[in-house]
Amino acid sequence: MTYLVERPRWGADGRDLKAESIWRTLRAFGAPVVQADLWLDVGCGSGGVAEALAARGTFVVGVDPEPWPEWRVARDEYPNLDFVVGRFDSAELAIQDSTVDIVVCNQVYEHVNDPQQLIVNLFRVLRPGGIVYFAGPNLLWPIEPHVFWPLVHWLPRRFALKLMRALGSERMGDLDANSAHRWRLEAWFKRAGFAYRNALRVRASEDARSGLPGKLLRGLSRHAPEFLWTLLLPVAPGFVYLLLRPDGVE
């Protein structure tokens, strides 16, 4: 197997804190995080989140389009951790139907060629009663989160790249994500068969970061009224959903 020599351009720092926040959020919603037989981390990259979850004793499989050097070390350290090379928006991905208890799909949907097929695959691999932690950026947020430029993701891609080049940007190669708004995502969830719940407030309350960022999120989650969260959801920087495959749905 040929491994990539570059690290993911989005970085691997803080993956343990991301895993902790995901774990807490799922647990707050009553997901069987400890009893789950199998977790799947979709778009796992170098494997930091999958490794942190495996450290808790759960069996985790990470999926990514390319293998990473860090996978070797993680596999050696955790016998309950494995990795699979594959595109999760492909209908041919070799993950058996109805075998996974919990899927983590964190900041992935905007990077795949076919996000609808991704969501269909999430439903397919879940056992009835299984749950997906699904998070990603919001198209309507005015700052593109990969290049940190305002409004460029609202423009035709070719024009946006020309504009960034003319203004001296060195991050044009990062403008390759295709985010969606709330209504499109929720339509895809329904079409796949999922029940879903907005978990943004709970995710904020369970943020594992220390210091000012974590304190601000936890304080906002405690003191902002529920109707305000609902009102602001369409224009939030990103989304966090919990997707449930209902029992008895095949």
C-alpha atoms as a PDB file:
ATOM      1  CA  MET A   1       0.000   0.000   0.000  1.00  0.00           C
ATOM      2  CA  THR A   2       1.354   3.440  -0.940  1.00  0.00           C
ATOM      3  CA  TYR A   3       0.883   6.040   1.766  1.00  0.00           C
ATOM      4  CA  LEU A   4       0.622   9.771   1.313  1.00  0.00           C
ATOM      5  CA  VAL A   5       3.641  11.669   2.535  1.00  0.00           C
ATOM      6  CA  GLU A   6       1.848  14.980   3.062  1.00  0.00           C
ATOM      7  CA  ARG A   7      -0.232  15.726   6.111  1.00  0.00           C
ATOM      8  CA  PRO A   8      -3.821  16.843   5.517  1.00  0.00           C
ATOM      9  CA  ARG A   9      -3.785  20.520   4.599  1.00  0.00           C
ATOM     10  CA  TRP A  10      -6.540  21.172   7.150  1.00  0.00           C
ATOM     11  CA  GLY A  11      -4.234  19.971   9.934  1.00  0.00           C
ATOM     12  CA  ALA A  12      -4.417  17.240  12.548  1.00  0.00           C
ATOM     13  CA  ASP A  13      -4.195  19.337  15.710  1.00  0.00           C
ATOM     14  CA  GLY A  14      -6.992  19.103  18.241  1.00  0.00           C
ATOM     15  CA  ARG A  15      -8.446  15.860  16.910  1.00  0.00           C
ATOM     16  CA  ASP A  16      -8.654  14.463  20.446  1.00  0.00           C
ATOM     17  CA  LEU A  17     -10.784  17.451  21.488  1.00  0.00           C
ATOM     18  CA  LYS A  18     -13.010  17.033  18.430  1.00  0.00           C
ATOM     19  CA  ALA A  19     -13.495  13.373  19.304  1.00  0.00           C
ATOM     20  CA  GLU A  20     -14.305  14.296  22.903  1.00  0.00           C
ATOM     21  CA  SER A  21     -16.915  16.836  21.787  1.00  0.00           C
ATOM     22  CA  ILE A  22     -18.481  14.350  19.381  1.00  0.00           C
ATOM     23  CA  TRP A  23     -18.607  11.694  22.109  1.00  0.00           C
ATOM     24  CA  ARG A  24     -20.214  14.096  24.575  1.00  0.00           C
ATOM     25  CA  THR A  25     -22.779  15.303  22.049  1.00  0.00           C
ATOM     26  CA  LEU A  26     -23.864  11.789  21.139  1.00  0.00           C
ATOM     27  CA  ARG A  27     -24.021  10.793  24.791  1.00  0.00           C
ATOM     28  CA  ALA A  28     -26.136  13.857  25.625  1.00  0.00           C
ATOM     29  CA  PHE A  29     -28.704  12.636  23.080  1.00  0.00           C
ATOM     30  CA  GLY A  30     -28.733   9.162  24.591  1.00  0.00           C
ATOM     31  CA  ALA A  31     -26.726   7.437  21.867  1.00  0.00           C
ATOM     32  CA  PRO A  32     -25.202   4.100  23.019  1.00  0.00           C
ATOM     33  CA  VAL A  33     -21.619   5.348  22.801  1.00  0.00           C
ATOM     34  CA  VAL A  34     -20.228   2.749  25.211  1.00  0.00           C
ATOM     35  CA  GLN A  35     -22.357  -0.191  24.091  1.00  0.00           C
ATOM     36  CA  ALA A  36     -21.846   0.399  20.345  1.00  0.00           C
ATOM     37  CA  ASP A  37     -20.159  -2.559  18.664  1.00  0.00           C
ATOM     38  CA  LEU A  38     -18.861  -0.592  15.682  1.00  0.00           C
ATOM     39  CA  TRP A  39     -18.124   3.061  14.925  1.00  0.00           C
ATOM     40  CA  LEU A  40     -17.339   4.335  11.434  1.00  0.00           C
ATOM     41  CA  ASP A  41     -15.377   7.567  10.905  1.00  0.00           C
ATOM     42  CA  VAL A  42     -16.086   8.776   7.376  1.00  0.00           C
ATOM     43  CA  GLY A  43     -13.422  10.976   5.795  1.00  0.00           C
ATOM     44  CA  CYS A  44     -11.076  10.167   8.664  1.00  0.00           C
ATOM     45  CA  GLY A  45      -7.964  11.770   7.127  1.00  0.00           C
ATOM     46  CA  SER A  46      -4.872  10.933   9.150  1.00  0.00           C
ATOM     47  CA  GLY A  47      -7.076   9.154  11.684  1.00  0.00           C
ATOM     48  CA  GLY A  48      -6.829  11.388  14.747  1.00  0.00           C
ATOM     49  CA  VAL A  49     -10.538  11.335  15.621  1.00  0.00           C
ATOM     50  CA  ALA A  50     -10.812   7.592  14.964  1.00  0.00           C
ATOM     51  CA  GLU A  51      -7.772   6.961  17.140  1.00  0.00           C
ATOM     52  CA  ALA A  52      -9.152   9.065  20.001  1.00  0.00           C
ATOM     53  CA  LEU A  53     -12.448   7.165  19.831  1.00  0.00           C
ATOM     54  CA  ALA A  54     -10.629   3.818  19.767  1.00  0.00           C
ATOM     55  CA  ALA A  55      -8.751   4.870  22.916  1.00  0.00           C
ATOM     56  CA  ARG A  56     -12.125   4.711  24.679  1.00  0.00           C
ATOM     57  CA  GLY A  57     -12.376   1.007  23.912  1.00  0.00           C
ATOM     58  CA  THR A  58     -14.856   1.095  21.031  1.00  0.00           C
ATOM     59  CA  PHE A  59     -14.123  -0.668  17.733  1.00  0.00           C
ATOM     60  CA  VAL A  60     -13.614   1.983  15.057  1.00  0.00           C
ATOM     61  CA  VAL A  61     -13.100   1.812  11.308  1.00  0.00           C
ATOM     62  CA  GLY A  62     -11.883   4.917   9.500  1.00  0.00           C
ATOM     63  CA  VAL A  63     -12.573   5.480   5.789  1.00  0.00           C
ATOM     64  CA  ASP A  64     -10.689   7.909   3.563  1.00  0.00           C
ATOM     65  CA  PRO A  65      -9.980   8.166  -0.186  1.00  0.00           C
ATOM     66  CA  GLU A  66      -6.219   7.932   0.443  1.00  0.00           C
ATOM     67  CA  PRO A  67      -4.150   6.084   3.059  1.00  0.00           C
ATOM     68  CA  TRP A  68      -2.071   8.087   5.516  1.00  0.00           C
ATOM     69  CA  PRO A  69       1.261   7.181   7.208  1.00  0.00           C
ATOM     70  CA  GLU A  70      -0.290   7.719  10.661  1.00  0.00           C
ATOM     71  CA  TRP A  71      -2.579   4.735  10.093  1.00  0.00           C
ATOM     72  CA  ARG A  72       0.279   2.271  10.630  1.00  0.00           C
ATOM     73  CA  VAL A  73       1.160   3.605  14.061  1.00  0.00           C
ATOM     74  CA  ALA A  74      -2.476   3.876  15.143  1.00  0.00           C
ATOM     75  CA  ARG A  75      -3.220   0.296  14.052  1.00  0.00           C
ATOM     76  CA  ASP A  76      -0.231  -0.981  16.017  1.00  0.00           C
ATOM     77  CA  GLU A  77      -1.332   0.855  19.147  1.00  0.00           C
ATOM     78  CA  TYR A  78      -5.036  -0.021  19.007  1.00  0.00           C
ATOM     79  CA  PRO A  79      -6.117  -3.515  17.940  1.00  0.00           C
ATOM     80  CA  ASN A  80      -9.709  -2.209  17.947  1.00  0.00           C
ATOM     81  CA  LEU A  81      -8.924   0.290  15.166  1.00  0.00           C
ATOM     82  CA  ASP A  82      -8.774  -0.302  11.426  1.00  0.00           C
ATOM     83  CA  PHE A  83      -8.766   1.811   8.262  1.00  0.00           C
ATOM     84  CA  VAL A  84     -10.268   1.316   4.806  1.00  0.00           C
ATOM     85  CA  VAL A  85      -9.395   3.152   1.603  1.00  0.00           C
ATOM     86  CA  GLY A  86     -12.493   4.199  -0.304  1.00  0.00           C
ATOM     87  CA  ARG A  87     -14.705   7.058  -1.388  1.00  0.00           C
ATOM     88  CA  PHE A  88     -17.793   7.156   0.749  1.00  0.00           C
ATOM     89  CA  ASP A  89     -19.862   8.774  -1.970  1.00  0.00           C
ATOM     90  CA  SER A  90     -19.313   5.680  -4.135  1.00  0.00           C
ATOM     91  CA  ALA A  91     -22.064   3.102  -4.353  1.00  0.00           C
ATOM     92  CA  GLU A  92     -19.353   0.423  -4.459  1.00  0.00           C
ATOM     93  CA  LEU A  93     -17.783   1.062  -1.043  1.00  0.00           C
ATOM     94  CA  ALA A  94     -17.158  -2.279   0.665  1.00  0.00           C
ATOM     95  CA  ILE A  95     -18.865  -1.653   4.004  1.00  0.00           C
ATOM     96  CA  GLN A  96     -21.588  -4.188   4.666  1.00  0.00           C
ATOM     97  CA  ASP A  97     -25.194  -3.079   4.948  1.00  0.00           C
ATOM     98  CA  SER A  98     -26.716  -2.610   8.410  1.00  0.00           C
ATOM     99  CA  THR A  99     -23.496  -3.298  10.343  1.00  0.00           C
ATOM    100  CA  VAL A 100     -22.557   0.037  11.944  1.00  0.00           C
ATOM    101  CA  ASP A 101     -23.942   1.441  15.202  1.00  0.00           C
ATOM    102  CA  ILE A 102     -22.552   4.995  15.065  1.00  0.00           C
ATOM    103  CA  VAL A 103     -21.131   6.973  12.132  1.00  0.00           C
ATOM    104  CA  VAL A 104     -19.077  10.138  12.452  1.00  0.00           C
ATOM    105  CA  CYS A 105     -19.354  12.301   9.320  1.00  0.00           C
ATOM    106  CA  ASN A 106     -17.596  15.478  10.408  1.00  0.00           C
ATOM    107  CA  GLN A 107     -16.799  18.194   7.837  1.00  0.00           C
ATOM    108  CA  VAL A 108     -16.969  15.726   4.950  1.00  0.00           C
ATOM    109  CA  TYR A 109     -20.103  16.280   2.863  1.00  0.00           C
ATOM    110  CA  GLU A 110     -18.786  19.459   1.232  1.00  0.00           C
ATOM    111  CA  HIS A 111     -15.686  17.664  -0.108  1.00  0.00           C
ATOM    112  CA  VAL A 112     -17.284  14.711  -1.919  1.00  0.00           C
ATOM    113  CA  ASN A 113     -18.435  14.600  -5.518  1.00  0.00           C
ATOM    114  CA  ASP A 114     -21.900  13.295  -4.683  1.00  0.00           C
ATOM    115  CA  PRO A 115     -23.158  14.325  -1.221  1.00  0.00           C
ATOM    116  CA  GLN A 116     -26.553  12.722  -1.819  1.00  0.00           C
ATOM    117  CA  GLN A 117     -24.895   9.351  -2.436  1.00  0.00           C
ATOM    118  CA  LEU A 118     -22.828   9.919   0.698  1.00  0.00           C
ATOM    119  CA  ILE A 119     -25.997  10.330   2.754  1.00  0.00           C
ATOM    120  CA  VAL A 120     -27.598   7.284   1.118  1.00  0.00           C
ATOM    121  CA  ASN A 121     -24.504   5.260   2.047  1.00  0.00           C
ATOM    122  CA  LEU A 122     -24.684   6.483   5.637  1.00  0.00           C
ATOM    123  CA  PHE A 123     -28.217   5.131   5.839  1.00  0.00           C
ATOM    124  CA  ARG A 124     -27.253   1.868   4.141  1.00  0.00           C
ATOM    125  CA  VAL A 125     -24.421   0.918   6.493  1.00  0.00           C
ATOM    126  CA  LEU A 126     -26.296   1.812   9.697  1.00  0.00           C
ATOM    127  CA  ARG A 127     -28.157  -0.775  11.680  1.00  0.00           C
ATOM    128  CA  PRO A 128     -31.796   0.101  12.379  1.00  0.00           C
ATOM    129  CA  GLY A 129     -31.660   2.414  15.376  1.00  0.00           C
ATOM    130  CA  GLY A 130     -28.136   3.524  14.452  1.00  0.00           C
ATOM    131  CA  ILE A 131     -27.122   7.170  14.548  1.00  0.00           C
ATOM    132  CA  VAL A 132     -24.929   9.538  12.523  1.00  0.00           C
ATOM    133  CA  TYR A 133     -23.090  12.563  13.891  1.00  0.00           C
ATOM    134  CA  PHE A 134     -23.226  14.815  10.826  1.00  0.00           C
ATOM    135  CA  ALA A 135     -21.496  18.210  10.811  1.00  0.00           C
ATOM    136  CA  GLY A 136     -20.409  20.592   8.092  1.00  0.00           C
ATOM    137  CA  PRO A 137     -20.384  24.182   6.851  1.00  0.00           C
ATOM    138  CA  ASN A 138     -23.363  26.303   5.861  1.00  0.00           C
ATOM    139  CA  LEU A 139     -23.480  27.778   2.368  1.00  0.00           C
ATOM    140  CA  LEU A 140     -25.270  30.888   3.683  1.00  0.00           C
ATOM    141  CA  TRP A 141     -22.486  31.822   6.103  1.00  0.00           C
ATOM    142  CA  PRO A 142     -20.696  34.706   4.331  1.00  0.00           C
ATOM    143  CA  ILE A 143     -17.122  33.577   5.093  1.00  0.00           C
ATOM    144  CA  GLU A 144     -15.861  30.564   3.143  1.00  0.00           C
ATOM    145  CA  PRO A 145     -14.388  28.391   5.931  1.00  0.00           C
ATOM    146  CA  HIS A 146     -11.548  26.807   3.940  1.00  0.00           C
ATOM    147  CA  VAL A 147     -10.004  29.966   2.474  1.00  0.00           C
ATOM    148  CA  PHE A 148     -11.484  32.479   4.948  1.00  0.00           C
ATOM    149  CA  TRP A 149     -12.542  34.852   2.193  1.00  0.00           C
ATOM    150  CA  PRO A 150     -15.934  36.562   2.228  1.00  0.00           C
ATOM    151  CA  LEU A 151     -18.564  35.670  -0.367  1.00  0.00           C
ATOM    152  CA  VAL A 152     -16.310  33.784  -2.815  1.00  0.00           C
ATOM    153  CA  HIS A 153     -18.271  30.537  -2.338  1.00  0.00           C
ATOM    154  CA  TRP A 154     -21.402  32.368  -3.558  1.00  0.00           C
ATOM    155  CA  LEU A 155     -19.765  33.224  -6.883  1.00  0.00           C
ATOM    156  CA  PRO A 156     -19.265  31.003  -9.934  1.00  0.00           C
ATOM    157  CA  ARG A 157     -16.125  29.004  -9.132  1.00  0.00           C
ATOM    158  CA  ARG A 158     -14.129  30.119 -12.161  1.00  0.00           C
ATOM    159  CA  PHE A 159     -14.879  33.784 -11.460  1.00  0.00           C
ATOM    160  CA  ALA A 160     -14.066  33.362  -7.759  1.00  0.00           C
ATOM    161  CA  LEU A 161     -10.675  31.849  -8.562  1.00  0.00           C
ATOM    162  CA  LYS A 162      -9.868  34.670 -10.988  1.00  0.00           C
ATOM    163  CA  LEU A 163     -10.846  37.222  -8.368  1.00  0.00           C
ATOM    164  CA  MET A 164      -8.704  35.598  -5.687  1.00  0.00           C
ATOM    165  CA  ARG A 165      -5.755  35.353  -8.077  1.00  0.00           C
ATOM    166  CA  ALA A 166      -6.089  39.020  -9.018  1.00  0.00           C
ATOM    167  CA  LEU A 167      -6.100  39.970  -5.348  1.00  0.00           C
ATOM    168  CA  GLY A 168      -2.985  37.917  -4.616  1.00  0.00           C
ATOM    169  CA  SER A 169      -4.431  34.939  -2.781  1.00  0.00           C
ATOM    170  CA  GLU A 170      -2.186  31.921  -2.220  1.00  0.00           C
ATOM    171  CA  ARG A 171      -5.079  29.691  -1.133  1.00  0.00           C
ATOM    172  CA  MET A 172      -6.970  29.239  -4.367  1.00  0.00           C
ATOM    173  CA  GLY A 173      -6.344  25.505  -4.273  1.00  0.00           C
ATOM    174  CA  ASP A 174      -8.369  25.289  -1.062  1.00  0.00           C
ATOM    175  CA  LEU A 175     -11.495  26.655  -2.747  1.00  0.00           C
ATOM    176  CA  ASP A 176     -12.705  23.196  -3.689  1.00  0.00           C
ATOM    177  CA  ALA A 177     -15.550  22.650  -1.211  1.00  0.00           C
ATOM    178  CA  ASN A 178     -19.232  22.728  -2.122  1.00  0.00           C
ATOM    179  CA  SER A 179     -21.400  23.423   0.888  1.00  0.00           C
ATOM    180  CA  ALA A 180     -25.191  23.439   1.045  1.00  0.00           C
ATOM    181  CA  HIS A 181     -27.849  25.318   2.972  1.00  0.00           C
ATOM    182  CA  ARG A 182     -30.091  23.863   5.642  1.00  0.00           C
ATOM    183  CA  TRP A 183     -33.071  23.111   3.424  1.00  0.00           C
ATOM    184  CA  ARG A 184     -31.064  21.170   0.865  1.00  0.00           C
ATOM    185  CA  LEU A 185     -29.353  19.062   3.510  1.00  0.00           C
ATOM    186  CA  GLU A 186     -32.622  18.272   5.250  1.00  0.00           C
ATOM    187  CA  ALA A 187     -34.213  17.304   1.938  1.00  0.00           C
ATOM    188  CA  TRP A 188     -31.347  14.862   1.347  1.00  0.00           C
ATOM    189  CA  PHE A 189     -31.781  13.412   4.841  1.00  0.00           C
ATOM    190  CA  LYS A 190     -35.490  12.831   4.286  1.00  0.00           C
ATOM    191  CA  ARG A 191     -34.949  11.319   0.850  1.00  0.00           C
ATOM    192  CA  ALA A 192     -32.461   8.815   2.277  1.00  0.00           C
ATOM    193  CA  GLY A 193     -34.940   7.794   4.997  1.00  0.00           C
ATOM    194  CA  PHE A 194     -33.386   9.471   8.034  1.00  0.00           C
ATOM    195  CA  ALA A 195     -35.101  11.062  10.966  1.00  0.00           C
ATOM    196  CA  TYR A 196     -32.947  14.008  12.009  1.00  0.00           C
ATOM    197  CA  ARG A 197     -32.484  16.503  14.801  1.00  0.00           C
ATOM    198  CA  ASN A 198     -30.597  19.781  14.975  1.00  0.00           C
ATOM    199  CA  ALA A 199     -27.834  19.263  17.548  1.00  0.00           C
ATOM    200  CA  LEU A 200     -25.997  22.573  17.196  1.00  0.00           C
ATOM    201  CA  ARG A 201     -26.912  23.843  20.644  1.00  0.00           C
ATOM    202  CA  VAL A 202     -26.016  20.562  22.336  1.00  0.00           C
ATOM    203  CA  ARG A 203     -22.719  20.431  20.434  1.00  0.00           C
ATOM    204  CA  ALA A 204     -21.903  23.916  21.704  1.00  0.00           C
ATOM    205  CA  SER A 205     -22.745  22.941  25.283  1.00  0.00           C
ATOM    206  CA  GLU A 206     -20.512  19.862  25.019  1.00  0.00           C
ATOM    207  CA  ASP A 207     -17.518  21.602  23.427  1.00  0.00           C
ATOM    208  CA  ALA A 208     -14.384  20.110  24.982  1.00  0.00           C
ATOM    209  CA  ARG A 209     -12.033  23.037  24.353  1.00  0.00           C
ATOM    210  CA  SER A 210     -10.605  24.951  27.268  1.00  0.00           C
ATOM    211  CA  GLY A 211      -9.952  28.683  27.228  1.00  0.00           C
ATOM    212  CA  LEU A 212     -12.046  31.418  25.676  1.00  0.00           C
ATOM    213  CA  PRO A 213     -13.483  29.583  22.605  1.00  0.00           C
ATOM    214  CA  GLY A 214     -14.904  26.745  24.650  1.00  0.00           C
ATOM    215  CA  LYS A 215     -16.197  29.044  27.360  1.00  0.00           C
ATOM    216  CA  LEU A 216     -17.965  31.278  24.834  1.00  0.00           C
ATOM    217  CA  LEU A 217     -19.694  28.349  23.141  1.00  0.00           C
ATOM    218  CA  ARG A 218     -20.763  26.755  26.408  1.00  0.00           C
ATOM    219  CA  GLY A 219     -22.009  30.086  27.750  1.00  0.00           C
ATOM    220  CA  LEU A 220     -23.963  30.808  24.578  1.00  0.00           C
ATOM    221  CA  SER A 221     -25.579  27.371  24.676  1.00  0.00           C
ATOM    222  CA  ARG A 222     -26.723  27.879  28.260  1.00  0.00           C
ATOM    223  CA  HIS A 223     -28.030  31.428  28.060  1.00  0.00           C
ATOM    224  CA  ALA A 224     -29.358  31.948  24.512  1.00  0.00           C
ATOM    225  CA  PRO A 225     -33.050  30.968  24.331  1.00  0.00           C
ATOM    226  CA  GLU A 226     -34.058  28.005  22.189  1.00  0.00           C
ATOM    227  CA  PHE A 227     -36.071  30.101  19.733  1.00  0.00           C
ATOM    228  CA  LEU A 228     -32.941  32.142  18.973  1.00  0.00           C
ATOM    229  CA  TRP A 229     -31.004  28.996  18.035  1.00  0.00           C
ATOM    230  CA  THR A 230     -33.834  27.976  15.733  1.00  0.00           C
ATOM    231  CA  LEU A 231     -34.005  31.446  14.222  1.00  0.00           C
ATOM    232  CA  LEU A 232     -30.274  31.625  13.572  1.00  0.00           C
ATOM    233  CA  LEU A 233     -29.852  28.075  12.241  1.00  0.00           C
ATOM    234  CA  PRO A 234     -30.221  29.011   8.529  1.00  0.00           C
ATOM    235  CA  VAL A 235     -27.320  31.475   8.795  1.00  0.00           C
ATOM    236  CA  ALA A 236     -25.127  29.703  11.361  1.00  0.00           C
ATOM    237  CA  PRO A 237     -21.470  29.143  10.368  1.00  0.00           C
ATOM    238  CA  GLY A 238     -22.096  25.410  10.274  1.00  0.00           C
ATOM    239  CA  PHE A 239     -24.521  22.633  11.107  1.00  0.00           C
ATOM    240  CA  VAL A 240     -24.553  19.719  13.502  1.00  0.00           C
ATOM    241  CA  TYR A 241     -27.250  17.109  12.975  1.00  0.00           C
ATOM    242  CA  LEU A 242     -27.920  13.747  14.517  1.00  0.00           C
ATOM    243  CA  LEU A 243     -29.388  11.416  11.910  1.00  0.00           C
ATOM    244  CA  LEU A 244     -31.310   8.356  13.053  1.00  0.00           C
ATOM    245  CA  ARG A 245     -32.104   5.290  10.988  1.00  0.00           C
ATOM    246  CA  PRO A 246     -35.492   4.326  12.411  1.00  0.00           C
ATOM    247  CA  ASP A 247     -35.995   0.827  13.803  1.00  0.00           C
ATOM    248  CA  GLY A 248     -37.692  -1.502  11.366  1.00  0.00           C
ATOM    249  CA  VAL A 249     -36.632   0.500   8.277  1.00  0.00           C
ATOM    250  CA  GLU A 250     -34.693  -1.644   5.807  1.00  0.00           C
END
